[in-house]
Amino acid sequence: MDHEIGSERRGLQRFLLKASAVVQTVSEGVEKVFELSTQDISSGGAFFPMEVPLSTGEKVKITLFLSISALERFSAIPRKAKIITEGRVVRSTELGMAVAFGRRYSMSPASV
């Protein structure tokens, strides 16, 4: 299964985008919560730089905050979208971790 995720990842366009995110572990036991930023992102996943990345295979819940600059022309207040999805760590290195997104997600306006 990881092979499918890996080959799918290579087929998706990546964007160098630093988006704020909250990443929570969903395994049984102690929940860990991290406030991170993406280094790059695609429709299939993202890379999160961090000093002590989670282990490969770890399941996570991800909340991404994306700026929607097109809405700023209607108001001086920057607008953001909140995207919530689940994922799995598919690669863990000394530089951070790559997370593959699940297929289900929700998107809603985020408070500023």
C-alpha atoms as a PDB file:
ATOM      1  CA  MET A   1       0.000   0.000   0.000  1.00  0.00           C
ATOM      2  CA  ASP A   2       2.820   2.435   0.788  1.00  0.00           C
ATOM      3  CA  HIS A   3       4.162   1.705  -2.691  1.00  0.00           C
ATOM      4  CA  GLU A   4       0.923   2.994  -4.218  1.00  0.00           C
ATOM      5  CA  ILE A   5       1.073   6.153  -2.118  1.00  0.00           C
ATOM      6  CA  GLY A   6       4.710   6.692  -3.064  1.00  0.00           C
ATOM      7  CA  SER A   7       4.115   6.356  -6.784  1.00  0.00           C
ATOM      8  CA  GLU A   8       0.971   8.516  -6.591  1.00  0.00           C
ATOM      9  CA  ARG A   9       2.959  11.176  -4.741  1.00  0.00           C
ATOM     10  CA  ARG A  10       5.483  11.396  -7.552  1.00  0.00           C
ATOM     11  CA  GLY A  11       2.714  11.968 -10.088  1.00  0.00           C
ATOM     12  CA  LEU A  12       1.246  15.024  -8.330  1.00  0.00           C
ATOM     13  CA  GLN A  13       2.427  18.583  -8.767  1.00  0.00           C
ATOM     14  CA  ARG A  14       4.036  20.008  -5.622  1.00  0.00           C
ATOM     15  CA  PHE A  15       3.892  23.648  -4.610  1.00  0.00           C
ATOM     16  CA  LEU A  16       6.465  25.344  -2.393  1.00  0.00           C
ATOM     17  CA  LEU A  17       3.977  26.704   0.117  1.00  0.00           C
ATOM     18  CA  LYS A  18       4.441  27.581   3.760  1.00  0.00           C
ATOM     19  CA  ALA A  19       0.978  27.029   5.240  1.00  0.00           C
ATOM     20  CA  SER A  20       0.242  26.914   8.966  1.00  0.00           C
ATOM     21  CA  ALA A  21      -0.967  23.566  10.241  1.00  0.00           C
ATOM     22  CA  VAL A  22      -1.918  21.714  13.397  1.00  0.00           C
ATOM     23  CA  VAL A  23      -0.943  18.038  13.306  1.00  0.00           C
ATOM     24  CA  GLN A  24      -2.351  15.673  15.951  1.00  0.00           C
ATOM     25  CA  THR A  25      -1.546  12.018  16.455  1.00  0.00           C
ATOM     26  CA  VAL A  26      -4.604   9.758  16.442  1.00  0.00           C
ATOM     27  CA  SER A  27      -3.054   6.584  17.833  1.00  0.00           C
ATOM     28  CA  GLU A  28      -4.240   5.139  21.107  1.00  0.00           C
ATOM     29  CA  GLY A  29      -2.384   6.516  24.095  1.00  0.00           C
ATOM     30  CA  VAL A  30      -1.090  10.013  24.681  1.00  0.00           C
ATOM     31  CA  GLU A  31      -2.223  12.490  22.023  1.00  0.00           C
ATOM     32  CA  LYS A  32       0.516  14.722  20.660  1.00  0.00           C
ATOM     33  CA  VAL A  33      -0.277  18.087  19.059  1.00  0.00           C
ATOM     34  CA  PHE A  34       2.195  20.028  16.901  1.00  0.00           C
ATOM     35  CA  GLU A  35       1.907  23.522  15.420  1.00  0.00           C
ATOM     36  CA  LEU A  36       3.853  23.280  12.169  1.00  0.00           C
ATOM     37  CA  SER A  37       4.169  24.798   8.711  1.00  0.00           C
ATOM     38  CA  THR A  38       4.315  22.983   5.417  1.00  0.00           C
ATOM     39  CA  GLN A  39       7.461  23.166   3.306  1.00  0.00           C
ATOM     40  CA  ASP A  40       5.652  21.979   0.207  1.00  0.00           C
ATOM     41  CA  ILE A  41       2.202  20.628  -0.519  1.00  0.00           C
ATOM     42  CA  SER A  42       0.283  18.744  -3.217  1.00  0.00           C
ATOM     43  CA  SER A  43      -3.250  17.425  -3.447  1.00  0.00           C
ATOM     44  CA  GLY A  44      -1.943  14.119  -2.076  1.00  0.00           C
ATOM     45  CA  GLY A  45       0.150  15.262   0.884  1.00  0.00           C
ATOM     46  CA  ALA A  46       2.634  17.663   2.416  1.00  0.00           C
ATOM     47  CA  PHE A  47       6.118  17.801   3.897  1.00  0.00           C
ATOM     48  CA  PHE A  48       6.420  19.190   7.430  1.00  0.00           C
ATOM     49  CA  PRO A  49       9.892  20.225   8.617  1.00  0.00           C
ATOM     50  CA  MET A  50      10.417  19.304  12.291  1.00  0.00           C
ATOM     51  CA  GLU A  51      13.318  18.395  14.542  1.00  0.00           C
ATOM     52  CA  VAL A  52      11.866  15.109  15.817  1.00  0.00           C
ATOM     53  CA  PRO A  53       9.439  13.804  13.184  1.00  0.00           C
ATOM     54  CA  LEU A  54       6.806  11.175  13.865  1.00  0.00           C
ATOM     55  CA  SER A  55       7.466   7.584  12.855  1.00  0.00           C
ATOM     56  CA  THR A  56       6.569   6.218   9.443  1.00  0.00           C
ATOM     57  CA  GLY A  57       3.075   4.716   9.575  1.00  0.00           C
ATOM     58  CA  GLU A  58       1.808   7.047  12.317  1.00  0.00           C
ATOM     59  CA  LYS A  59      -1.793   8.178  11.723  1.00  0.00           C
ATOM     60  CA  VAL A  60      -2.473  11.896  12.108  1.00  0.00           C
ATOM     61  CA  LYS A  61      -5.262  14.460  11.905  1.00  0.00           C
ATOM     62  CA  ILE A  62      -4.222  17.586  10.011  1.00  0.00           C
ATOM     63  CA  THR A  63      -5.763  21.050  10.093  1.00  0.00           C
ATOM     64  CA  LEU A  64      -4.320  23.301   7.380  1.00  0.00           C
ATOM     65  CA  PHE A  65      -4.877  27.058   7.235  1.00  0.00           C
ATOM     66  CA  LEU A  66      -4.665  28.504   3.718  1.00  0.00           C
ATOM     67  CA  SER A  67      -4.851  32.175   2.822  1.00  0.00           C
ATOM     68  CA  ILE A  68      -7.361  33.018   0.113  1.00  0.00           C
ATOM     69  CA  SER A  69      -5.891  36.158  -1.398  1.00  0.00           C
ATOM     70  CA  ALA A  70      -8.695  36.507  -3.967  1.00  0.00           C
ATOM     71  CA  LEU A  71     -11.098  37.490  -1.162  1.00  0.00           C
ATOM     72  CA  GLU A  72      -8.812  40.232   0.165  1.00  0.00           C
ATOM     73  CA  ARG A  73      -9.953  42.635  -2.546  1.00  0.00           C
ATOM     74  CA  PHE A  74     -13.416  42.686  -0.937  1.00  0.00           C
ATOM     75  CA  SER A  75     -12.111  43.459   2.535  1.00  0.00           C
ATOM     76  CA  ALA A  76      -8.941  44.665   4.216  1.00  0.00           C
ATOM     77  CA  ILE A  77      -9.089  41.609   6.485  1.00  0.00           C
ATOM     78  CA  PRO A  78      -7.182  38.621   5.054  1.00  0.00           C
ATOM     79  CA  ARG A  79      -9.411  35.568   4.569  1.00  0.00           C
ATOM     80  CA  LYS A  80      -8.380  32.024   5.369  1.00  0.00           C
ATOM     81  CA  ALA A  81      -9.758  28.575   4.722  1.00  0.00           C
ATOM     82  CA  LYS A  82      -9.449  25.716   7.179  1.00  0.00           C
ATOM     83  CA  ILE A  83      -9.014  22.238   5.699  1.00  0.00           C
ATOM     84  CA  ILE A  84      -9.283  19.226   7.994  1.00  0.00           C
ATOM     85  CA  THR A  85      -8.215  15.755   6.884  1.00  0.00           C
ATOM     86  CA  GLU A  86      -6.535  12.644   8.191  1.00  0.00           C
ATOM     87  CA  GLY A  87      -3.303  11.210   6.933  1.00  0.00           C
ATOM     88  CA  ARG A  88      -0.393   8.883   7.515  1.00  0.00           C
ATOM     89  CA  VAL A  89       3.329   9.573   7.822  1.00  0.00           C
ATOM     90  CA  VAL A  90       4.872   7.944   4.737  1.00  0.00           C
ATOM     91  CA  ARG A  91       8.463   9.163   5.148  1.00  0.00           C
ATOM     92  CA  SER A  92      10.420  10.378   8.140  1.00  0.00           C
ATOM     93  CA  THR A  93      13.909  11.925   7.839  1.00  0.00           C
ATOM     94  CA  GLU A  94      16.229  14.109   9.901  1.00  0.00           C
ATOM     95  CA  LEU A  95      14.642  17.111   8.105  1.00  0.00           C
ATOM     96  CA  GLY A  96      11.004  16.305   8.846  1.00  0.00           C
ATOM     97  CA  MET A  97       8.137  14.106   7.727  1.00  0.00           C
ATOM     98  CA  ALA A  98       6.055  13.545   4.614  1.00  0.00           C
ATOM     99  CA  VAL A  99       2.354  12.947   5.236  1.00  0.00           C
ATOM    100  CA  ALA A 100      -0.034  11.440   2.681  1.00  0.00           C
ATOM    101  CA  PHE A 101      -3.526  12.921   2.969  1.00  0.00           C
ATOM    102  CA  GLY A 102      -6.619  10.742   3.276  1.00  0.00           C
ATOM    103  CA  ARG A 103      -9.359  11.003   0.673  1.00  0.00           C
ATOM    104  CA  ARG A 104     -11.929  12.601   2.980  1.00  0.00           C
ATOM    105  CA  TYR A 105     -11.650  16.212   4.060  1.00  0.00           C
ATOM    106  CA  SER A 106     -13.732  19.204   5.122  1.00  0.00           C
ATOM    107  CA  MET A 107     -13.167  22.822   4.177  1.00  0.00           C
ATOM    108  CA  SER A 108     -14.615  25.856   5.941  1.00  0.00           C
ATOM    109  CA  PRO A 109     -13.822  29.539   6.541  1.00  0.00           C
ATOM    110  CA  ALA A 110     -11.293  30.036   9.328  1.00  0.00           C
ATOM    111  CA  SER A 111     -11.506  32.809  11.862  1.00  0.00           C
ATOM    112  CA  VAL A 112      -8.750  35.373  11.466  1.00  0.00           C
END
